[in-house]
Amino acid sequence: MLRASGQYQSVSGLGSTAEGQFVVRGRLYEFEEVDSGSIGGQVSMEFELMTESLARSYGRIPIPEMNRWTGKSISAVVAALDINLDRGLKEVAAGLGQYFSVALAKTY
């Protein structure tokens, strides 16, 4: 998502030998099926933006609105988890973009 946004000079993945100016670290806390009448997928995660001189945590990001399906199939669980994970990652990408736009505005 960060690479596709076009807002960054380059984005490298885990295992890359590139040395970047910033590192985004994430931790997945919940990635599970929730059954309470209908099927849902619960996802929560935390991300940190790191540099040598900066450690900024975006905090734990819960996704409280679970997408639910009336079916009880495996594909419904996978779809619910996929949609909620995508929603959370988009929120993080937007937060990083906002952080950098504010940081750049302060330097000029």
C-alpha atoms as a PDB file:
ATOM      1  CA  MET A   1       0.000   0.000   0.000  1.00  0.00           C
ATOM      2  CA  LEU A   2       2.825   2.396   0.824  1.00  0.00           C
ATOM      3  CA  ARG A   3       4.608   1.670  -2.444  1.00  0.00           C
ATOM      4  CA  ALA A   4       1.390   1.921  -4.461  1.00  0.00           C
ATOM      5  CA  SER A   5       0.531   5.301  -2.924  1.00  0.00           C
ATOM      6  CA  GLY A   6       3.339   6.983  -4.864  1.00  0.00           C
ATOM      7  CA  GLN A   7       4.075   9.235  -1.863  1.00  0.00           C
ATOM      8  CA  TYR A   8       7.451   7.687  -1.061  1.00  0.00           C
ATOM      9  CA  GLN A   9      10.735   7.665  -2.962  1.00  0.00           C
ATOM     10  CA  SER A  10      11.068   3.933  -2.353  1.00  0.00           C
ATOM     11  CA  VAL A  11       9.589   1.229  -0.139  1.00  0.00           C
ATOM     12  CA  SER A  12      11.465  -1.992   0.604  1.00  0.00           C
ATOM     13  CA  GLY A  13      10.154  -5.125   2.228  1.00  0.00           C
ATOM     14  CA  LEU A  14      11.429  -7.285   5.034  1.00  0.00           C
ATOM     15  CA  GLY A  15      14.642  -9.036   4.106  1.00  0.00           C
ATOM     16  CA  SER A  16      15.747  -6.273   1.760  1.00  0.00           C
ATOM     17  CA  THR A  17      19.379  -5.187   1.930  1.00  0.00           C
ATOM     18  CA  ALA A  18      18.345  -1.555   1.367  1.00  0.00           C
ATOM     19  CA  GLU A  19      18.957   0.837   4.234  1.00  0.00           C
ATOM     20  CA  GLY A  20      16.073   3.225   4.608  1.00  0.00           C
ATOM     21  CA  GLN A  21      15.569   6.487   6.389  1.00  0.00           C
ATOM     22  CA  PHE A  22      12.546   5.055   8.215  1.00  0.00           C
ATOM     23  CA  VAL A  23      11.438   1.603   9.283  1.00  0.00           C
ATOM     24  CA  VAL A  24       7.817   0.638   9.864  1.00  0.00           C
ATOM     25  CA  ARG A  25       7.420  -2.264  12.287  1.00  0.00           C
ATOM     26  CA  GLY A  26       4.126  -3.951  12.980  1.00  0.00           C
ATOM     27  CA  ARG A  27       2.686  -6.527  15.313  1.00  0.00           C
ATOM     28  CA  LEU A  28      -0.517  -8.439  14.717  1.00  0.00           C
ATOM     29  CA  TYR A  29      -2.406  -9.056  17.969  1.00  0.00           C
ATOM     30  CA  GLU A  30      -5.689 -10.551  16.846  1.00  0.00           C
ATOM     31  CA  PHE A  31      -6.498 -12.332  13.619  1.00  0.00           C
ATOM     32  CA  GLU A  32      -9.339 -14.619  14.492  1.00  0.00           C
ATOM     33  CA  GLU A  33     -12.799 -15.815  13.681  1.00  0.00           C
ATOM     34  CA  VAL A  34     -15.589 -14.522  15.898  1.00  0.00           C
ATOM     35  CA  ASP A  35     -18.870 -16.439  16.051  1.00  0.00           C
ATOM     36  CA  SER A  36     -21.823 -14.766  17.717  1.00  0.00           C
ATOM     37  CA  GLY A  37     -24.860 -15.560  15.630  1.00  0.00           C
ATOM     38  CA  SER A  38     -23.000 -14.703  12.447  1.00  0.00           C
ATOM     39  CA  ILE A  39     -19.399 -15.023  11.413  1.00  0.00           C
ATOM     40  CA  GLY A  40     -16.963 -12.150  11.774  1.00  0.00           C
ATOM     41  CA  GLY A  41     -13.258 -11.590  11.606  1.00  0.00           C
ATOM     42  CA  GLN A  42     -11.481  -9.668  14.382  1.00  0.00           C
ATOM     43  CA  VAL A  43      -8.169  -7.977  13.557  1.00  0.00           C
ATOM     44  CA  SER A  44      -6.047  -5.668  15.715  1.00  0.00           C
ATOM     45  CA  MET A  45      -2.486  -4.547  15.256  1.00  0.00           C
ATOM     46  CA  GLU A  46       0.149  -2.031  16.282  1.00  0.00           C
ATOM     47  CA  PHE A  47       2.652  -0.162  14.149  1.00  0.00           C
ATOM     48  CA  GLU A  48       5.748   1.872  14.961  1.00  0.00           C
ATOM     49  CA  LEU A  49       7.659   4.292  12.786  1.00  0.00           C
ATOM     50  CA  MET A  50      11.341   4.079  13.639  1.00  0.00           C
ATOM     51  CA  THR A  51      14.549   5.965  12.850  1.00  0.00           C
ATOM     52  CA  GLU A  52      17.786   6.228  14.762  1.00  0.00           C
ATOM     53  CA  SER A  53      16.540   9.344  16.558  1.00  0.00           C
ATOM     54  CA  LEU A  54      12.758   8.779  16.524  1.00  0.00           C
ATOM     55  CA  ALA A  55      10.519   6.076  17.902  1.00  0.00           C
ATOM     56  CA  ARG A  56       6.913   6.919  17.189  1.00  0.00           C
ATOM     57  CA  SER A  57       4.217   4.429  18.021  1.00  0.00           C
ATOM     58  CA  TYR A  58       0.856   4.709  16.332  1.00  0.00           C
ATOM     59  CA  GLY A  59      -0.523   2.590  19.150  1.00  0.00           C
ATOM     60  CA  ARG A  60      -2.711  -0.429  19.046  1.00  0.00           C
ATOM     61  CA  ILE A  61      -5.231  -0.153  16.252  1.00  0.00           C
ATOM     62  CA  PRO A  62      -8.337  -2.227  16.948  1.00  0.00           C
ATOM     63  CA  ILE A  63     -10.837  -2.722  14.158  1.00  0.00           C
ATOM     64  CA  PRO A  64     -14.077  -2.630  16.169  1.00  0.00           C
ATOM     65  CA  GLU A  65     -16.542  -2.963  13.288  1.00  0.00           C
ATOM     66  CA  MET A  66     -16.284  -6.526  12.115  1.00  0.00           C
ATOM     67  CA  ASN A  67     -17.627  -7.485   8.725  1.00  0.00           C
ATOM     68  CA  ARG A  68     -20.129 -10.290   9.222  1.00  0.00           C
ATOM     69  CA  TRP A  69     -21.606 -12.892   6.937  1.00  0.00           C
ATOM     70  CA  THR A  70     -24.665 -14.999   7.561  1.00  0.00           C
ATOM     71  CA  GLY A  71     -22.983 -18.130   6.252  1.00  0.00           C
ATOM     72  CA  LYS A  72     -20.668 -20.303   8.300  1.00  0.00           C
ATOM     73  CA  SER A  73     -18.266 -21.272   5.533  1.00  0.00           C
ATOM     74  CA  ILE A  74     -14.502 -21.021   5.595  1.00  0.00           C
ATOM     75  CA  SER A  75     -14.639 -18.585   2.681  1.00  0.00           C
ATOM     76  CA  ALA A  76     -16.869 -16.244   4.768  1.00  0.00           C
ATOM     77  CA  VAL A  77     -14.314 -16.229   7.595  1.00  0.00           C
ATOM     78  CA  VAL A  78     -11.457 -15.577   5.174  1.00  0.00           C
ATOM     79  CA  ALA A  79     -13.393 -12.747   3.494  1.00  0.00           C
ATOM     80  CA  ALA A  80     -14.207 -11.109   6.852  1.00  0.00           C
ATOM     81  CA  LEU A  81     -10.579 -11.291   7.995  1.00  0.00           C
ATOM     82  CA  ASP A  82      -9.312  -9.991   4.648  1.00  0.00           C
ATOM     83  CA  ILE A  83     -11.644  -6.977   4.641  1.00  0.00           C
ATOM     84  CA  ASN A  84     -10.845  -6.056   8.247  1.00  0.00           C
ATOM     85  CA  LEU A  85      -7.080  -6.452   7.758  1.00  0.00           C
ATOM     86  CA  ASP A  86      -7.251  -4.311   4.612  1.00  0.00           C
ATOM     87  CA  ARG A  87      -9.212  -1.629   6.501  1.00  0.00           C
ATOM     88  CA  GLY A  88      -6.619  -1.535   9.281  1.00  0.00           C
ATOM     89  CA  LEU A  89      -3.666  -1.349   6.887  1.00  0.00           C
ATOM     90  CA  LYS A  90      -5.309   1.509   4.975  1.00  0.00           C
ATOM     91  CA  GLU A  91      -5.771   3.352   8.276  1.00  0.00           C
ATOM     92  CA  VAL A  92      -2.080   2.905   9.104  1.00  0.00           C
ATOM     93  CA  ALA A  93      -0.970   4.018   5.621  1.00  0.00           C
ATOM     94  CA  ALA A  94      -3.150   7.130   5.916  1.00  0.00           C
ATOM     95  CA  GLY A  95      -1.739   7.841   9.383  1.00  0.00           C
ATOM     96  CA  LEU A  96       1.828   7.589   8.110  1.00  0.00           C
ATOM     97  CA  GLY A  97       1.015   9.908   5.206  1.00  0.00           C
ATOM     98  CA  GLN A  98      -0.527  12.420   7.601  1.00  0.00           C
ATOM     99  CA  TYR A  99       2.463  12.184   9.960  1.00  0.00           C
ATOM    100  CA  PHE A 100       4.948  12.855   7.148  1.00  0.00           C
ATOM    101  CA  SER A 101       2.918  15.752   5.715  1.00  0.00           C
ATOM    102  CA  VAL A 102       2.837  17.432   9.151  1.00  0.00           C
ATOM    103  CA  ALA A 103       6.542  16.686   9.735  1.00  0.00           C
ATOM    104  CA  LEU A 104       7.481  18.155   6.351  1.00  0.00           C
ATOM    105  CA  ALA A 105       5.345  21.250   6.944  1.00  0.00           C
ATOM    106  CA  LYS A 106       7.254  21.895  10.196  1.00  0.00           C
ATOM    107  CA  THR A 107      10.633  21.725   8.444  1.00  0.00           C
ATOM    108  CA  TYR A 108       9.759  24.388   5.843  1.00  0.00           C
END
